[in-house]
């Protein structure tokens, strides 16, 4: 297992209506691959358009972590090793990897998709190990925001991207 100082952000992409069990199952498999405990996860991260998906929100709640939402335009600027066709649907070529990497860190589990055995998957995830919070951090370049957009409370609209 990882040391106590390791903190992980799980980037999650999901089709509309993806069940929480599918999200949580994929995330737990990826955490095992990373050698990470569930209690070392500090947040889920996703594109703003998916932040209120019930399956994503319920899986994050099951792990006791917040969901960080990023505008598609911001995620589109994050370099990723495995871009996808998500741009057609959500406006960025990556959701899981880009969201996980949005605030920096080391990609320890590349994008993976749920499903298999002839069943289409509805969820993707990627895991990033965040830098030690006590280590000095480089400031973001001018004009490059690093703070995620907050997810508004239920009943309030998600800000347009």
N, C-alpha and C. Protein backbone atom coordinates (compact mmCIF):
# COMPACT_ATOMS: atom_id res chain seq x y z
N UNK A 1 0.83 -1.18 0.00
CA UNK A 1 0.00 0.00 0.00
C UNK A 1 0.88 1.24 0.00
N UNK A 2 0.27 2.37 -0.28
CA UNK A 2 1.00 3.61 -0.35
C UNK A 2 1.24 4.16 1.04
N UNK A 3 2.16 5.12 1.13
CA UNK A 3 2.42 5.76 2.40
C UNK A 3 1.26 6.66 2.79
N UNK A 4 1.27 7.07 4.05
CA UNK A 4 0.16 7.88 4.56
C UNK A 4 0.09 9.25 3.93
N UNK A 5 1.21 9.75 3.37
CA UNK A 5 1.18 11.08 2.79
C UNK A 5 0.63 11.10 1.38
N UNK A 6 0.48 9.95 0.75
CA UNK A 6 -0.06 9.92 -0.60
C UNK A 6 -1.52 10.34 -0.59
N UNK A 7 -1.85 11.21 -1.53
CA UNK A 7 -3.22 11.65 -1.71
C UNK A 7 -3.55 11.45 -3.17
N UNK A 8 -4.75 11.01 -3.45
CA UNK A 8 -5.13 10.69 -4.82
C UNK A 8 -6.39 11.44 -5.22
N UNK A 9 -6.41 11.88 -6.48
CA UNK A 9 -7.60 12.46 -7.09
C UNK A 9 -8.04 11.48 -8.16
N UNK A 10 -9.33 11.16 -8.17
CA UNK A 10 -9.89 10.23 -9.15
C UNK A 10 -10.68 11.04 -10.17
N UNK A 11 -10.21 11.03 -11.40
CA UNK A 11 -10.95 11.67 -12.49
C UNK A 11 -12.00 10.69 -12.97
N UNK A 12 -13.23 11.18 -13.17
CA UNK A 12 -14.34 10.31 -13.55
C UNK A 12 -15.12 10.92 -14.71
N UNK A 13 -15.38 10.09 -15.69
CA UNK A 13 -16.30 10.44 -16.77
C UNK A 13 -17.42 9.42 -16.75
N UNK A 14 -18.62 9.84 -17.10
CA UNK A 14 -19.75 8.90 -17.05
C UNK A 14 -20.82 9.29 -18.06
N UNK A 15 -21.40 8.28 -18.66
CA UNK A 15 -22.57 8.53 -19.50
C UNK A 15 -23.74 8.87 -18.59
N UNK A 16 -24.71 9.57 -19.15
CA UNK A 16 -25.91 9.91 -18.38
C UNK A 16 -26.55 8.64 -17.84
N UNK A 17 -26.87 8.66 -16.55
CA UNK A 17 -27.54 7.53 -15.93
C UNK A 17 -26.64 6.40 -15.49
N UNK A 18 -25.32 6.58 -15.58
CA UNK A 18 -24.41 5.52 -15.13
C UNK A 18 -24.65 5.24 -13.65
N UNK A 19 -24.83 3.98 -13.27
CA UNK A 19 -25.14 3.66 -11.87
C UNK A 19 -23.93 3.85 -10.94
N UNK A 20 -24.22 4.23 -9.71
CA UNK A 20 -23.17 4.44 -8.71
C UNK A 20 -22.32 3.19 -8.52
N UNK A 21 -22.95 2.02 -8.55
CA UNK A 21 -22.19 0.78 -8.38
C UNK A 21 -21.14 0.58 -9.46
N UNK A 22 -21.48 0.98 -10.68
CA UNK A 22 -20.51 0.85 -11.77
C UNK A 22 -19.36 1.84 -11.59
N UNK A 23 -19.69 3.07 -11.17
CA UNK A 23 -18.65 4.07 -10.91
C UNK A 23 -17.74 3.58 -9.79
N UNK A 24 -18.34 3.20 -8.68
CA UNK A 24 -17.57 2.78 -7.51
C UNK A 24 -16.76 1.52 -7.79
N UNK A 25 -17.32 0.58 -8.52
CA UNK A 25 -16.59 -0.64 -8.85
C UNK A 25 -15.34 -0.36 -9.68
N UNK A 26 -15.47 0.50 -10.69
CA UNK A 26 -14.32 0.85 -11.52
C UNK A 26 -13.28 1.60 -10.70
N UNK A 27 -13.73 2.54 -9.87
CA UNK A 27 -12.79 3.31 -9.04
C UNK A 27 -12.06 2.39 -8.07
N UNK A 28 -12.77 1.48 -7.44
CA UNK A 28 -12.10 0.57 -6.49
C UNK A 28 -11.09 -0.33 -7.18
N UNK A 29 -11.41 -0.81 -8.39
CA UNK A 29 -10.45 -1.62 -9.15
C UNK A 29 -9.20 -0.81 -9.47
N UNK A 30 -9.40 0.44 -9.89
CA UNK A 30 -8.27 1.30 -10.23
C UNK A 30 -7.43 1.62 -8.99
N UNK A 31 -8.09 1.84 -7.85
CA UNK A 31 -7.35 2.10 -6.61
C UNK A 31 -6.49 0.89 -6.23
N UNK A 32 -7.05 -0.31 -6.40
CA UNK A 32 -6.26 -1.53 -6.12
C UNK A 32 -5.03 -1.58 -7.01
N UNK A 33 -5.22 -1.26 -8.28
CA UNK A 33 -4.09 -1.27 -9.22
C UNK A 33 -3.02 -0.26 -8.80
N UNK A 34 -3.46 0.87 -8.27
CA UNK A 34 -2.52 1.91 -7.84
C UNK A 34 -1.89 1.58 -6.49
N UNK A 35 -2.40 0.56 -5.81
CA UNK A 35 -1.91 0.26 -4.47
C UNK A 35 -2.35 1.31 -3.47
N UNK A 36 -3.52 1.91 -3.72
CA UNK A 36 -4.01 3.01 -2.89
C UNK A 36 -5.23 2.58 -2.10
N UNK A 37 -5.31 3.04 -0.88
CA UNK A 37 -6.48 2.79 -0.04
C UNK A 37 -7.57 3.80 -0.38
N UNK A 38 -8.80 3.40 -0.21
CA UNK A 38 -9.92 4.30 -0.49
C UNK A 38 -9.85 5.56 0.35
N UNK A 39 -9.32 5.46 1.57
CA UNK A 39 -9.25 6.66 2.42
C UNK A 39 -8.12 7.61 2.03
N UNK A 40 -7.34 7.27 1.00
CA UNK A 40 -6.31 8.19 0.50
C UNK A 40 -6.83 9.06 -0.64
N UNK A 41 -8.08 8.82 -1.06
CA UNK A 41 -8.69 9.64 -2.10
C UNK A 41 -9.17 10.94 -1.47
N UNK A 42 -8.79 12.07 -2.06
CA UNK A 42 -9.19 13.36 -1.53
C UNK A 42 -10.32 14.00 -2.32
N UNK A 43 -10.53 13.54 -3.56
CA UNK A 43 -11.61 14.13 -4.36
C UNK A 43 -11.85 13.30 -5.62
N UNK A 44 -13.06 13.41 -6.12
CA UNK A 44 -13.38 13.02 -7.49
C UNK A 44 -13.28 14.31 -8.29
N UNK A 45 -12.95 14.20 -9.56
CA UNK A 45 -12.89 15.36 -10.45
C UNK A 45 -13.54 14.98 -11.77
N UNK A 46 -14.29 15.91 -12.35
CA UNK A 46 -14.97 15.64 -13.60
C UNK A 46 -15.27 16.95 -14.32
N UNK A 47 -15.82 16.84 -15.51
CA UNK A 47 -16.25 18.00 -16.26
C UNK A 47 -17.55 18.53 -15.64
N UNK A 48 -17.75 19.83 -15.67
CA UNK A 48 -18.92 20.44 -15.02
C UNK A 48 -20.23 19.83 -15.47
N UNK A 49 -20.33 19.46 -16.73
CA UNK A 49 -21.58 18.89 -17.25
C UNK A 49 -21.93 17.55 -16.61
N UNK A 50 -20.97 16.89 -16.00
CA UNK A 50 -21.20 15.57 -15.39
C UNK A 50 -21.17 15.61 -13.86
N UNK A 51 -20.93 16.76 -13.28
CA UNK A 51 -20.72 16.86 -11.83
C UNK A 51 -21.94 16.44 -11.02
N UNK A 52 -23.12 16.58 -11.59
CA UNK A 52 -24.33 16.23 -10.84
C UNK A 52 -24.92 14.89 -11.26
N UNK A 53 -24.20 14.14 -12.06
CA UNK A 53 -24.70 12.80 -12.40
C UNK A 53 -24.89 12.03 -11.09
N UNK A 54 -26.06 11.48 -10.86
CA UNK A 54 -26.31 10.79 -9.59
C UNK A 54 -25.31 9.68 -9.27
N UNK A 55 -24.89 8.92 -10.27
CA UNK A 55 -23.94 7.84 -10.02
C UNK A 55 -22.58 8.34 -9.58
N UNK A 56 -22.13 9.44 -10.18
CA UNK A 56 -20.85 10.04 -9.81
C UNK A 56 -20.94 10.62 -8.40
N UNK A 57 -22.00 11.38 -8.14
CA UNK A 57 -22.17 11.99 -6.82
C UNK A 57 -22.30 10.94 -5.71
N UNK A 58 -23.04 9.87 -5.98
CA UNK A 58 -23.23 8.83 -4.96
C UNK A 58 -21.93 8.08 -4.69
N UNK A 59 -21.14 7.81 -5.75
CA UNK A 59 -19.87 7.11 -5.55
C UNK A 59 -18.90 7.97 -4.74
N UNK A 60 -18.86 9.27 -5.04
CA UNK A 60 -18.00 10.18 -4.27
C UNK A 60 -18.46 10.22 -2.82
N UNK A 61 -19.76 10.28 -2.61
CA UNK A 61 -20.29 10.30 -1.24
C UNK A 61 -19.94 9.02 -0.50
N UNK A 62 -19.96 7.88 -1.20
CA UNK A 62 -19.62 6.61 -0.56
C UNK A 62 -18.18 6.61 -0.07
N UNK A 63 -17.31 7.35 -0.76
CA UNK A 63 -15.91 7.45 -0.33
C UNK A 63 -15.69 8.66 0.57
N UNK A 64 -16.73 9.47 0.77
CA UNK A 64 -16.62 10.63 1.64
C UNK A 64 -15.78 11.76 1.08
N UNK A 65 -15.82 11.93 -0.26
CA UNK A 65 -15.01 12.98 -0.88
C UNK A 65 -15.88 13.90 -1.73
N UNK A 66 -15.42 15.13 -1.94
CA UNK A 66 -16.17 16.06 -2.79
C UNK A 66 -15.97 15.74 -4.27
N UNK A 67 -16.86 16.28 -5.08
CA UNK A 67 -16.71 16.23 -6.54
C UNK A 67 -16.26 17.61 -6.98
N UNK A 68 -15.10 17.68 -7.62
CA UNK A 68 -14.60 18.94 -8.17
C UNK A 68 -15.01 18.99 -9.64
N UNK A 69 -15.57 20.11 -10.05
CA UNK A 69 -16.06 20.28 -11.42
C UNK A 69 -15.21 21.30 -12.16
N UNK A 70 -14.87 20.99 -13.40
CA UNK A 70 -14.06 21.87 -14.23
C UNK A 70 -14.80 22.17 -15.53
N UNK A 71 -14.72 23.39 -16.01
CA UNK A 71 -15.31 23.70 -17.31
C UNK A 71 -14.61 22.89 -18.42
N UNK A 72 -15.35 22.48 -19.41
CA UNK A 72 -14.79 21.70 -20.52
C UNK A 72 -13.62 22.43 -21.18
N UNK A 73 -13.73 23.74 -21.32
CA UNK A 73 -12.66 24.51 -21.96
C UNK A 73 -11.35 24.39 -21.18
N UNK A 74 -11.44 24.35 -19.85
CA UNK A 74 -10.22 24.20 -19.04
C UNK A 74 -9.64 22.80 -19.21
N UNK A 75 -10.50 21.78 -19.20
CA UNK A 75 -10.01 20.40 -19.37
C UNK A 75 -9.41 20.20 -20.76
N UNK A 76 -9.94 20.89 -21.75
CA UNK A 76 -9.43 20.75 -23.12
C UNK A 76 -7.98 21.21 -23.23
N UNK A 77 -7.52 22.05 -22.30
CA UNK A 77 -6.14 22.54 -22.32
C UNK A 77 -5.17 21.63 -21.56
N UNK A 78 -5.67 20.62 -20.88
CA UNK A 78 -4.81 19.74 -20.09
C UNK A 78 -4.26 18.64 -20.99
N UNK A 79 -2.93 18.53 -21.13
CA UNK A 79 -2.38 17.45 -21.95
C UNK A 79 -2.60 16.09 -21.29
N UNK A 80 -3.07 15.12 -22.08
CA UNK A 80 -3.34 13.77 -21.56
C UNK A 80 -2.76 12.73 -22.52
N UNK A 81 -2.39 11.57 -21.99
CA UNK A 81 -1.83 10.53 -22.85
C UNK A 81 -2.87 9.75 -23.66
N UNK A 82 -4.12 9.77 -23.25
CA UNK A 82 -5.15 8.94 -23.90
C UNK A 82 -6.41 9.73 -24.21
N UNK A 83 -6.35 10.67 -25.17
CA UNK A 83 -7.56 11.43 -25.48
C UNK A 83 -8.64 10.52 -26.06
N UNK A 84 -9.89 11.01 -26.00
CA UNK A 84 -11.00 10.21 -26.48
C UNK A 84 -11.91 11.05 -27.36
N UNK A 85 -13.02 10.47 -27.74
CA UNK A 85 -14.01 11.17 -28.55
C UNK A 85 -14.98 11.96 -27.70
N UNK A 86 -14.70 12.18 -26.44
CA UNK A 86 -15.61 12.89 -25.56
C UNK A 86 -15.88 14.31 -26.02
N UNK A 87 -14.98 14.89 -26.82
CA UNK A 87 -15.15 16.28 -27.26
C UNK A 87 -16.48 16.50 -27.96
N UNK A 88 -16.95 15.51 -28.67
CA UNK A 88 -18.21 15.62 -29.38
C UNK A 88 -19.36 15.83 -28.40
N UNK A 89 -19.30 15.17 -27.26
CA UNK A 89 -20.39 15.20 -26.29
C UNK A 89 -20.24 16.31 -25.25
N UNK A 90 -19.05 16.46 -24.67
CA UNK A 90 -18.88 17.39 -23.55
C UNK A 90 -17.93 18.54 -23.83
N UNK A 91 -17.32 18.60 -24.99
CA UNK A 91 -16.48 19.75 -25.33
C UNK A 91 -15.02 19.64 -24.95
N UNK A 92 -14.55 18.46 -24.58
CA UNK A 92 -13.14 18.25 -24.28
C UNK A 92 -12.75 16.85 -24.73
N UNK A 93 -11.53 16.69 -25.19
CA UNK A 93 -11.04 15.40 -25.66
C UNK A 93 -10.69 14.43 -24.54
N UNK A 94 -10.87 14.85 -23.31
CA UNK A 94 -10.62 13.97 -22.17
C UNK A 94 -11.43 14.47 -20.99
N UNK A 95 -12.04 13.55 -20.28
CA UNK A 95 -12.71 13.91 -19.03
C UNK A 95 -11.93 13.31 -17.87
N UNK A 96 -11.84 11.98 -17.81
CA UNK A 96 -11.24 11.34 -16.63
C UNK A 96 -9.79 11.76 -16.41
N UNK A 97 -8.93 11.61 -17.42
CA UNK A 97 -7.52 11.95 -17.24
C UNK A 97 -7.33 13.46 -17.05
N UNK A 98 -7.99 14.26 -17.87
CA UNK A 98 -7.81 15.71 -17.76
C UNK A 98 -8.30 16.24 -16.42
N UNK A 99 -9.43 15.75 -15.95
CA UNK A 99 -9.95 16.21 -14.66
C UNK A 99 -9.02 15.79 -13.52
N UNK A 100 -8.52 14.56 -13.59
CA UNK A 100 -7.60 14.09 -12.54
C UNK A 100 -6.31 14.92 -12.53
N UNK A 101 -5.84 15.29 -13.72
CA UNK A 101 -4.58 16.03 -13.86
C UNK A 101 -4.73 17.54 -13.77
N UNK A 102 -5.95 18.05 -13.67
CA UNK A 102 -6.20 19.48 -13.75
C UNK A 102 -5.41 20.31 -12.74
N UNK A 103 -5.15 19.77 -11.58
CA UNK A 103 -4.40 20.50 -10.55
C UNK A 103 -2.99 19.94 -10.38
N UNK A 104 -2.55 19.16 -11.35
CA UNK A 104 -1.20 18.61 -11.32
C UNK A 104 -1.13 17.27 -10.60
N UNK A 105 0.04 16.69 -10.63
CA UNK A 105 0.26 15.40 -10.00
C UNK A 105 0.77 14.39 -11.00
N UNK A 106 0.91 13.16 -10.54
CA UNK A 106 1.45 12.07 -11.35
C UNK A 106 0.32 11.10 -11.69
N UNK A 107 0.13 10.87 -12.98
CA UNK A 107 -0.87 9.91 -13.42
C UNK A 107 -0.39 8.50 -13.07
N UNK A 108 -1.07 7.83 -12.14
CA UNK A 108 -0.65 6.50 -11.71
C UNK A 108 -1.54 5.41 -12.28
N UNK A 109 -2.75 5.74 -12.67
CA UNK A 109 -3.62 4.80 -13.39
C UNK A 109 -4.22 5.57 -14.55
N UNK A 110 -3.81 5.18 -15.76
CA UNK A 110 -4.33 5.83 -16.96
C UNK A 110 -5.81 5.51 -17.13
N UNK A 111 -6.45 6.26 -17.99
CA UNK A 111 -7.89 6.09 -18.23
C UNK A 111 -8.24 4.64 -18.47
N UNK A 112 -9.26 4.19 -17.78
CA UNK A 112 -9.80 2.86 -17.99
C UNK A 112 -11.30 2.98 -18.05
N UNK A 113 -11.92 2.01 -18.68
CA UNK A 113 -13.36 2.05 -18.89
C UNK A 113 -14.01 0.84 -18.26
N UNK A 114 -15.20 1.06 -17.72
CA UNK A 114 -15.97 -0.06 -17.16
C UNK A 114 -16.50 -0.91 -18.31
N UNK A 115 -17.14 -1.97 -17.97
CA UNK A 115 -17.71 -2.86 -18.98
C UNK A 115 -16.88 -4.12 -19.12
N UNK A 116 -16.86 -4.64 -20.31
CA UNK A 116 -16.13 -5.87 -20.56
C UNK A 116 -17.09 -7.02 -20.73
N UNK A 117 -16.58 -8.12 -21.17
CA UNK A 117 -17.37 -9.33 -21.41
C UNK A 117 -18.58 -9.02 -22.29
N UNK A 118 -18.33 -8.24 -23.35
CA UNK A 118 -19.38 -7.92 -24.30
C UNK A 118 -20.36 -6.86 -23.83
N UNK A 119 -20.12 -6.28 -22.67
CA UNK A 119 -21.02 -5.26 -22.11
C UNK A 119 -20.38 -3.89 -22.28
N UNK A 120 -21.10 -2.93 -22.89
CA UNK A 120 -20.51 -1.60 -23.04
C UNK A 120 -20.36 -0.90 -21.69
N UNK A 121 -19.28 -0.18 -21.52
CA UNK A 121 -19.06 0.53 -20.27
C UNK A 121 -19.65 1.93 -20.31
N UNK A 122 -20.06 2.42 -19.17
CA UNK A 122 -20.65 3.75 -19.07
C UNK A 122 -19.77 4.71 -18.27
N UNK A 123 -18.62 4.22 -17.77
CA UNK A 123 -17.80 5.00 -16.85
C UNK A 123 -16.33 4.90 -17.25
N UNK A 124 -15.61 6.02 -17.12
CA UNK A 124 -14.16 6.00 -17.25
C UNK A 124 -13.59 6.60 -15.97
N UNK A 125 -12.38 6.18 -15.63
CA UNK A 125 -11.70 6.83 -14.51
C UNK A 125 -10.20 6.80 -14.73
N UNK A 126 -9.51 7.68 -14.06
CA UNK A 126 -8.06 7.77 -14.05
C UNK A 126 -7.67 8.27 -12.67
N UNK A 127 -6.48 7.91 -12.23
CA UNK A 127 -6.05 8.28 -10.87
C UNK A 127 -4.72 9.02 -10.92
N UNK A 128 -4.67 10.12 -10.19
CA UNK A 128 -3.47 10.94 -10.08
C UNK A 128 -3.03 10.98 -8.62
N UNK A 129 -1.74 10.78 -8.42
CA UNK A 129 -1.15 10.97 -7.09
C UNK A 129 -0.78 12.45 -6.99
N UNK A 130 -1.33 13.09 -6.00
CA UNK A 130 -1.04 14.52 -5.80
C UNK A 130 0.27 14.66 -5.07
N UNK A 131 0.92 15.77 -5.32
CA UNK A 131 2.19 16.06 -4.68
C UNK A 131 1.98 16.22 -3.18
N UNK A 132 3.04 15.98 -2.42
CA UNK A 132 3.01 16.18 -0.97
C UNK A 132 2.62 17.63 -0.69
N UNK A 133 1.57 17.86 0.11
CA UNK A 133 1.12 19.23 0.34
C UNK A 133 2.14 20.09 1.08
N UNK A 134 3.12 19.47 1.74
CA UNK A 134 4.11 20.27 2.45
C UNK A 134 5.26 20.69 1.53
N UNK A 135 5.31 20.10 0.32
CA UNK A 135 6.37 20.46 -0.62
C UNK A 135 6.03 21.79 -1.29
N UNK A 136 7.05 22.58 -1.65
CA UNK A 136 6.77 23.84 -2.33
C UNK A 136 6.08 23.57 -3.66
N UNK A 137 5.09 24.37 -4.00
CA UNK A 137 4.34 24.21 -5.24
C UNK A 137 4.62 25.39 -6.16
N UNK A 138 4.76 25.11 -7.44
CA UNK A 138 4.93 26.17 -8.42
C UNK A 138 3.60 26.90 -8.59
N UNK A 139 3.68 28.19 -8.76
CA UNK A 139 2.46 28.98 -8.99
C UNK A 139 1.98 28.73 -10.41
N UNK A 140 0.66 28.74 -10.65
CA UNK A 140 0.17 28.58 -12.01
C UNK A 140 0.62 29.74 -12.88
N UNK A 141 0.79 29.46 -14.17
CA UNK A 141 1.17 30.51 -15.11
C UNK A 141 0.06 31.55 -15.18
N UNK A 142 0.42 32.80 -15.44
CA UNK A 142 -0.62 33.84 -15.53
C UNK A 142 -1.69 33.44 -16.55
N UNK A 143 -2.93 33.66 -16.18
CA UNK A 143 -4.03 33.34 -17.08
C UNK A 143 -4.47 31.89 -17.05
N UNK A 144 -3.83 31.05 -16.24
CA UNK A 144 -4.20 29.64 -16.16
C UNK A 144 -4.79 29.37 -14.77
N UNK A 145 -6.12 29.42 -14.66
CA UNK A 145 -6.74 29.16 -13.35
C UNK A 145 -6.53 27.72 -12.93
N UNK A 146 -6.37 27.51 -11.64
CA UNK A 146 -6.19 26.17 -11.12
C UNK A 146 -7.29 25.78 -10.13
N UNK A 147 -8.06 26.73 -9.68
CA UNK A 147 -9.12 26.42 -8.72
C UNK A 147 -10.31 25.84 -9.48
N UNK A 148 -10.84 24.71 -9.03
CA UNK A 148 -11.99 24.14 -9.71
C UNK A 148 -13.25 24.97 -9.47
N UNK A 149 -14.14 24.87 -10.42
CA UNK A 149 -15.43 25.52 -10.24
C UNK A 149 -16.20 24.74 -9.19
N UNK A 150 -16.78 25.41 -8.22
CA UNK A 150 -17.54 24.68 -7.20
C UNK A 150 -18.82 24.10 -7.80
N UNK A 151 -19.24 22.98 -7.28
CA UNK A 151 -20.50 22.38 -7.70
C UNK A 151 -21.58 23.03 -6.85
N UNK A 152 -22.55 23.70 -7.51
CA UNK A 152 -23.60 24.35 -6.72
C UNK A 152 -24.48 23.34 -6.01
N UNK A 153 -25.16 23.76 -4.96
CA UNK A 153 -26.05 22.85 -4.23
C UNK A 153 -27.18 22.35 -5.13
N UNK A 154 -27.75 21.20 -4.82
CA UNK A 154 -28.86 20.69 -5.61
C UNK A 154 -29.96 21.73 -5.74
N UNK A 155 -30.54 21.80 -6.91
CA UNK A 155 -31.60 22.76 -7.16
C UNK A 155 -31.12 24.04 -7.82
N UNK A 156 -29.80 24.29 -7.78
CA UNK A 156 -29.24 25.47 -8.45
C UNK A 156 -28.59 25.00 -9.74
N UNK A 157 -28.67 25.80 -10.82
CA UNK A 157 -28.11 25.38 -12.09
C UNK A 157 -26.58 25.36 -12.07
N UNK A 158 -26.00 24.44 -12.83
CA UNK A 158 -24.55 24.40 -13.01
C UNK A 158 -24.21 25.53 -13.97
N UNK A 159 -23.17 26.30 -13.65
CA UNK A 159 -22.78 27.42 -14.50
C UNK A 159 -22.42 26.93 -15.89
N UNK A 160 -22.81 27.66 -16.94
CA UNK A 160 -22.46 27.25 -18.30
C UNK A 160 -20.96 27.29 -18.48
N UNK A 161 -20.50 26.43 -19.39
CA UNK A 161 -19.06 26.39 -19.65
C UNK A 161 -18.76 27.41 -20.66
